[in-house]
Amino acid sequence: MPSEITDVEKFVAMSAKAKYCLVKRLKETVKLKLRTSSQLYTLKVEPLRADEVIKKLKCEIQEK
């Protein structure tokens, strides 16, 4: 079961240990899914802020 994170800085810090980050762009939000070896973490952000967050991530980015 995925865990939802609300803190952007914590999500970015966790990306250092992640295998990849999946970006799913919806109409009203952008969903970022961070896959680690044991857990899936999700973060929902506004579309205007999403590119700023994606640039900070330290793992492979996969757009869906």
PDB file of N, CA and C in Angstrom:
ATOM      1  N   MET A   1       0.839  -1.175   0.000  1.00  0.00           N
ATOM      2  CA  MET A   1       0.000   0.000   0.000  1.00  0.00           C
ATOM      3  C   MET A   1       0.890   1.247   0.000  1.00  0.00           C
ATOM      4  N   PRO A   2       0.687   2.182  -0.919  1.00  0.00           N
ATOM      5  CA  PRO A   2       1.534   3.377  -0.980  1.00  0.00           C
ATOM      6  C   PRO A   2       1.291   4.323   0.196  1.00  0.00           C
ATOM      7  N   SER A   3       2.307   5.065   0.542  1.00  0.00           N
ATOM      8  CA  SER A   3       2.211   6.069   1.597  1.00  0.00           C
ATOM      9  C   SER A   3       2.239   7.445   0.958  1.00  0.00           C
ATOM     10  N   GLU A   4       1.295   8.309   1.353  1.00  0.00           N
ATOM     11  CA  GLU A   4       1.269   9.659   0.805  1.00  0.00           C
ATOM     12  C   GLU A   4       2.074  10.591   1.701  1.00  0.00           C
ATOM     13  N   ILE A   5       2.928  11.387   1.073  1.00  0.00           N
ATOM     14  CA  ILE A   5       3.763  12.348   1.779  1.00  0.00           C
ATOM     15  C   ILE A   5       3.270  13.745   1.416  1.00  0.00           C
ATOM     16  N   THR A   6       3.215  14.631   2.393  1.00  0.00           N
ATOM     17  CA  THR A   6       2.755  15.993   2.121  1.00  0.00           C
ATOM     18  C   THR A   6       3.905  16.994   2.114  1.00  0.00           C
ATOM     19  N   ASP A   7       5.048  16.622   2.661  1.00  0.00           N
ATOM     20  CA  ASP A   7       6.197  17.524   2.740  1.00  0.00           C
ATOM     21  C   ASP A   7       7.104  17.332   1.515  1.00  0.00           C
ATOM     22  N   VAL A   8       7.246  18.380   0.719  1.00  0.00           N
ATOM     23  CA  VAL A   8       8.035  18.307  -0.519  1.00  0.00           C
ATOM     24  C   VAL A   8       9.504  18.057  -0.216  1.00  0.00           C
ATOM     25  N   GLU A   9      10.055  18.720   0.789  1.00  0.00           N
ATOM     26  CA  GLU A   9      11.485  18.560   1.101  1.00  0.00           C
ATOM     27  C   GLU A   9      11.801  17.131   1.545  1.00  0.00           C
ATOM     28  N   LYS A  10      10.910  16.516   2.296  1.00  0.00           N
ATOM     29  CA  LYS A  10      11.103  15.128   2.722  1.00  0.00           C
ATOM     30  C   LYS A  10      11.061  14.196   1.502  1.00  0.00           C
ATOM     31  N   PHE A  11      10.157  14.472   0.562  1.00  0.00           N
ATOM     32  CA  PHE A  11      10.038  13.677  -0.666  1.00  0.00           C
ATOM     33  C   PHE A  11      11.315  13.770  -1.486  1.00  0.00           C
ATOM     34  N   VAL A  12      11.865  14.974  -1.609  1.00  0.00           N
ATOM     35  CA  VAL A  12      13.110  15.178  -2.364  1.00  0.00           C
ATOM     36  C   VAL A  12      14.265  14.441  -1.684  1.00  0.00           C
ATOM     37  N   ALA A  13      14.322  14.493  -0.364  1.00  0.00           N
ATOM     38  CA  ALA A  13      15.389  13.803   0.365  1.00  0.00           C
ATOM     39  C   ALA A  13      15.304  12.286   0.167  1.00  0.00           C
ATOM     40  N   MET A  14      14.090  11.757   0.120  1.00  0.00           N
ATOM     41  CA  MET A  14      13.909  10.317  -0.064  1.00  0.00           C
ATOM     42  C   MET A  14      14.269   9.876  -1.488  1.00  0.00           C
ATOM     43  N   SER A  15      14.260  10.798  -2.430  1.00  0.00           N
ATOM     44  CA  SER A  15      14.553  10.441  -3.820  1.00  0.00           C
ATOM     45  C   SER A  15      15.993   9.983  -4.012  1.00  0.00           C
ATOM     46  N   ALA A  16      16.878  10.312  -3.094  1.00  0.00           N
ATOM     47  CA  ALA A  16      18.275   9.878  -3.188  1.00  0.00           C
ATOM     48  C   ALA A  16      18.381   8.351  -3.093  1.00  0.00           C
ATOM     49  N   LYS A  17      17.465   7.711  -2.358  1.00  0.00           N
ATOM     50  CA  LYS A  17      17.501   6.258  -2.182  1.00  0.00           C
ATOM     51  C   LYS A  17      16.551   5.525  -3.119  1.00  0.00           C
ATOM     52  N   ALA A  18      15.825   6.270  -3.949  1.00  0.00           N
ATOM     53  CA  ALA A  18      14.790   5.664  -4.791  1.00  0.00           C
ATOM     54  C   ALA A  18      15.365   5.096  -6.088  1.00  0.00           C
ATOM     55  N   LYS A  19      14.646   4.141  -6.661  1.00  0.00           N
ATOM     56  CA  LYS A  19      15.021   3.564  -7.951  1.00  0.00           C
ATOM     57  C   LYS A  19      14.607   4.500  -9.078  1.00  0.00           C
ATOM     58  N   TYR A  20      13.372   5.006  -9.007  1.00  0.00           N
ATOM     59  CA  TYR A  20      12.874   5.929 -10.029  1.00  0.00           C
ATOM     60  C   TYR A  20      11.686   6.712  -9.483  1.00  0.00           C
ATOM     61  N   CYS A  21      11.305   7.752 -10.210  1.00  0.00           N
ATOM     62  CA  CYS A  21      10.137   8.549  -9.878  1.00  0.00           C
ATOM     63  C   CYS A  21       9.233   8.594 -11.103  1.00  0.00           C
ATOM     64  N   LEU A  22       7.985   8.211 -10.930  1.00  0.00           N
ATOM     65  CA  LEU A  22       7.002   8.216 -12.005  1.00  0.00           C
ATOM     66  C   LEU A  22       6.164   9.485 -11.893  1.00  0.00           C
ATOM     67  N   VAL A  23       6.046  10.222 -12.996  1.00  0.00           N
ATOM     68  CA  VAL A  23       5.291  11.474 -13.016  1.00  0.00           C
ATOM     69  C   VAL A  23       4.013  11.256 -13.795  1.00  0.00           C
ATOM     70  N   LYS A  24       2.874  11.461 -13.142  1.00  0.00           N
ATOM     71  CA  LYS A  24       1.577  11.306 -13.796  1.00  0.00           C
ATOM     72  C   LYS A  24       0.865  12.650 -13.754  1.00  0.00           C
ATOM     73  N   ARG A  25       0.676  13.244 -14.923  1.00  0.00           N
ATOM     74  CA  ARG A  25       0.054  14.567 -15.015  1.00  0.00           C
ATOM     75  C   ARG A  25      -1.448  14.412 -15.238  1.00  0.00           C
ATOM     76  N   LEU A  26      -2.231  14.902 -14.277  1.00  0.00           N
ATOM     77  CA  LEU A  26      -3.683  14.894 -14.357  1.00  0.00           C
ATOM     78  C   LEU A  26      -4.163  16.317 -14.631  1.00  0.00           C
ATOM     79  N   LYS A  27      -5.463  16.513 -14.745  1.00  0.00           N
ATOM     80  CA  LYS A  27      -5.997  17.842 -15.070  1.00  0.00           C
ATOM     81  C   LYS A  27      -5.703  18.872 -13.985  1.00  0.00           C
ATOM     82  N   GLU A  28      -5.964  18.526 -12.741  1.00  0.00           N
ATOM     83  CA  GLU A  28      -5.854  19.497 -11.651  1.00  0.00           C
ATOM     84  C   GLU A  28      -4.597  19.343 -10.806  1.00  0.00           C
ATOM     85  N   THR A  29      -3.974  18.180 -10.843  1.00  0.00           N
ATOM     86  CA  THR A  29      -2.776  17.939 -10.030  1.00  0.00           C
ATOM     87  C   THR A  29      -1.746  17.136 -10.819  1.00  0.00           C
ATOM     88  N   VAL A  30      -0.560  17.081 -10.259  1.00  0.00           N
ATOM     89  CA  VAL A  30       0.495  16.213 -10.787  1.00  0.00           C
ATOM     90  C   VAL A  30       0.861  15.256  -9.664  1.00  0.00           C
ATOM     91  N   LYS A  31       0.830  13.972  -9.974  1.00  0.00           N
ATOM     92  CA  LYS A  31       1.134  12.956  -8.978  1.00  0.00           C
ATOM     93  C   LYS A  31       2.547  12.450  -9.215  1.00  0.00           C
ATOM     94  N   LEU A  32       3.376  12.487  -8.194  1.00  0.00           N
ATOM     95  CA  LEU A  32       4.741  11.963  -8.250  1.00  0.00           C
ATOM     96  C   LEU A  32       4.781  10.691  -7.417  1.00  0.00           C
ATOM     97  N   LYS A  33       5.258   9.612  -8.016  1.00  0.00           N
ATOM     98  CA  LYS A  33       5.335   8.327  -7.327  1.00  0.00           C
ATOM     99  C   LYS A  33       6.794   7.922  -7.226  1.00  0.00           C
ATOM    100  N   LEU A  34       7.276   7.803  -6.025  1.00  0.00           N
ATOM    101  CA  LEU A  34       8.677   7.497  -5.757  1.00  0.00           C
ATOM    102  C   LEU A  34       8.794   6.036  -5.344  1.00  0.00           C
ATOM    103  N   ARG A  35       9.528   5.249  -6.115  1.00  0.00           N
ATOM    104  CA  ARG A  35       9.667   3.811  -5.848  1.00  0.00           C
ATOM    105  C   ARG A  35      10.996   3.538  -5.161  1.00  0.00           C
ATOM    106  N   THR A  36      10.936   3.076  -3.929  1.00  0.00           N
ATOM    107  CA  THR A  36      12.130   2.629  -3.222  1.00  0.00           C
ATOM    108  C   THR A  36      12.112   1.102  -3.213  1.00  0.00           C
ATOM    109  N   SER A  37      13.123   0.500  -2.635  1.00  0.00           N
ATOM    110  CA  SER A  37      13.201  -0.959  -2.652  1.00  0.00           C
ATOM    111  C   SER A  37      12.078  -1.601  -1.830  1.00  0.00           C
ATOM    112  N   SER A  38      11.570  -0.909  -0.819  1.00  0.00           N
ATOM    113  CA  SER A  38      10.567  -1.529   0.038  1.00  0.00           C
ATOM    114  C   SER A  38       9.187  -0.864  -0.014  1.00  0.00           C
ATOM    115  N   GLN A  39       9.090   0.356  -0.487  1.00  0.00           N
ATOM    116  CA  GLN A  39       7.843   1.118  -0.358  1.00  0.00           C
ATOM    117  C   GLN A  39       7.616   2.023  -1.566  1.00  0.00           C
ATOM    118  N   LEU A  40       6.364   2.363  -1.819  1.00  0.00           N
ATOM    119  CA  LEU A  40       5.980   3.330  -2.837  1.00  0.00           C
ATOM    120  C   LEU A  40       5.438   4.561  -2.112  1.00  0.00           C
ATOM    121  N   TYR A  41       6.009   5.722  -2.420  1.00  0.00           N
ATOM    122  CA  TYR A  41       5.583   6.981  -1.813  1.00  0.00           C
ATOM    123  C   TYR A  41       4.986   7.874  -2.889  1.00  0.00           C
ATOM    124  N   THR A  42       3.919   8.593  -2.545  1.00  0.00           N
ATOM    125  CA  THR A  42       3.285   9.487  -3.504  1.00  0.00           C
ATOM    126  C   THR A  42       3.254  10.912  -2.957  1.00  0.00           C
ATOM    127  N   LEU A  43       3.241  11.849  -3.890  1.00  0.00           N
ATOM    128  CA  LEU A  43       3.150  13.273  -3.553  1.00  0.00           C
ATOM    129  C   LEU A  43       2.291  13.932  -4.611  1.00  0.00           C
ATOM    130  N   LYS A  44       1.308  14.732  -4.174  1.00  0.00           N
ATOM    131  CA  LYS A  44       0.455  15.470  -5.105  1.00  0.00           C
ATOM    132  C   LYS A  44       0.832  16.941  -5.026  1.00  0.00           C
ATOM    133  N   VAL A  45       1.085  17.547  -6.191  1.00  0.00           N
ATOM    134  CA  VAL A  45       1.433  18.973  -6.253  1.00  0.00           C
ATOM    135  C   VAL A  45       0.637  19.640  -7.369  1.00  0.00           C
ATOM    136  N   GLU A  46       0.588  20.961  -7.321  1.00  0.00           N
ATOM    137  CA  GLU A  46      -0.080  21.721  -8.368  1.00  0.00           C
ATOM    138  C   GLU A  46       0.770  21.663  -9.642  1.00  0.00           C
ATOM    139  N   PRO A  47       0.133  21.744 -10.815  1.00  0.00           N
ATOM    140  CA  PRO A  47       0.901  21.677 -12.077  1.00  0.00           C
ATOM    141  C   PRO A  47       1.956  22.770 -12.213  1.00  0.00           C
ATOM    142  N   LEU A  48       1.712  23.953 -11.684  1.00  0.00           N
ATOM    143  CA  LEU A  48       2.695  25.041 -11.794  1.00  0.00           C
ATOM    144  C   LEU A  48       3.941  24.771 -10.960  1.00  0.00           C
ATOM    145  N   ARG A  49       3.789  24.062  -9.878  1.00  0.00           N
ATOM    146  CA  ARG A  49       4.908  23.799  -8.960  1.00  0.00           C
ATOM    147  C   ARG A  49       5.635  22.488  -9.276  1.00  0.00           C
ATOM    148  N   ALA A  50       5.024  21.656 -10.100  1.00  0.00           N
ATOM    149  CA  ALA A  50       5.545  20.307 -10.351  1.00  0.00           C
ATOM    150  C   ALA A  50       6.931  20.313 -10.991  1.00  0.00           C
ATOM    151  N   ASP A  51       7.137  21.150 -12.008  1.00  0.00           N
ATOM    152  CA  ASP A  51       8.441  21.164 -12.682  1.00  0.00           C
ATOM    153  C   ASP A  51       9.565  21.573 -11.741  1.00  0.00           C
ATOM    154  N   GLU A  52       9.273  22.475 -10.835  1.00  0.00           N
ATOM    155  CA  GLU A  52      10.257  22.913  -9.835  1.00  0.00           C
ATOM    156  C   GLU A  52      10.653  21.746  -8.929  1.00  0.00           C
ATOM    157  N   VAL A  53       9.684  20.938  -8.525  1.00  0.00           N
ATOM    158  CA  VAL A  53       9.951  19.787  -7.652  1.00  0.00           C
ATOM    159  C   VAL A  53      10.704  18.701  -8.423  1.00  0.00           C
ATOM    160  N   ILE A  54      10.322  18.461  -9.680  1.00  0.00           N
ATOM    161  CA  ILE A  54      10.948  17.419 -10.485  1.00  0.00           C
ATOM    162  C   ILE A  54      12.430  17.709 -10.711  1.00  0.00           C
ATOM    163  N   LYS A  55      12.789  18.969 -10.875  1.00  0.00           N
ATOM    164  CA  LYS A  55      14.200  19.337 -11.074  1.00  0.00           C
ATOM    165  C   LYS A  55      15.057  19.011  -9.859  1.00  0.00           C
ATOM    166  N   LYS A  56      14.469  19.001  -8.672  1.00  0.00           N
ATOM    167  CA  LYS A  56      15.213  18.735  -7.433  1.00  0.00           C
ATOM    168  C   LYS A  56      15.438  17.250  -7.175  1.00  0.00           C
ATOM    169  N   LEU A  57      14.686  16.372  -7.825  1.00  0.00           N
ATOM    170  CA  LEU A  57      14.762  14.934  -7.546  1.00  0.00           C
ATOM    171  C   LEU A  57      16.104  14.364  -7.985  1.00  0.00           C
ATOM    172  N   LYS A  58      16.586  13.371  -7.221  1.00  0.00           N
ATOM    173  CA  LYS A  58      17.918  12.815  -7.440  1.00  0.00           C
ATOM    174  C   LYS A  58      17.858  11.375  -7.972  1.00  0.00           C
ATOM    175  N   CYS A  59      16.799  11.051  -8.709  1.00  0.00           N
ATOM    176  CA  CYS A  59      16.676   9.708  -9.272  1.00  0.00           C
ATOM    177  C   CYS A  59      16.155   9.803 -10.697  1.00  0.00           C
ATOM    178  N   GLU A  60      16.048   8.657 -11.347  1.00  0.00           N
ATOM    179  CA  GLU A  60      15.552   8.613 -12.724  1.00  0.00           C
ATOM    180  C   GLU A  60      14.095   9.063 -12.764  1.00  0.00           C
ATOM    181  N   ILE A  61      13.755   9.891 -13.760  1.00  0.00           N
ATOM    182  CA  ILE A  61      12.394  10.399 -13.919  1.00  0.00           C
ATOM    183  C   ILE A  61      11.733   9.692 -15.090  1.00  0.00           C
ATOM    184  N   GLN A  62      10.533   9.171 -14.858  1.00  0.00           N
ATOM    185  CA  GLN A  62       9.765   8.526 -15.918  1.00  0.00           C
ATOM    186  C   GLN A  62       8.430   9.242 -16.051  1.00  0.00           C
ATOM    187  N   GLU A  63       8.163   9.816 -17.222  1.00  0.00           N
ATOM    188  CA  GLU A  63       6.890  10.497 -17.482  1.00  0.00           C
ATOM    189  C   GLU A  63       5.879   9.466 -17.975  1.00  0.00           C
ATOM    190  N   LYS A  64       4.655   9.565 -17.479  1.00  0.00           N
ATOM    191  CA  LYS A  64       3.613   8.645 -17.937  1.00  0.00           C
ATOM    192  C   LYS A  64       2.481   9.419 -18.526  1.00  0.00           C
TER     193      LYS A  64
END
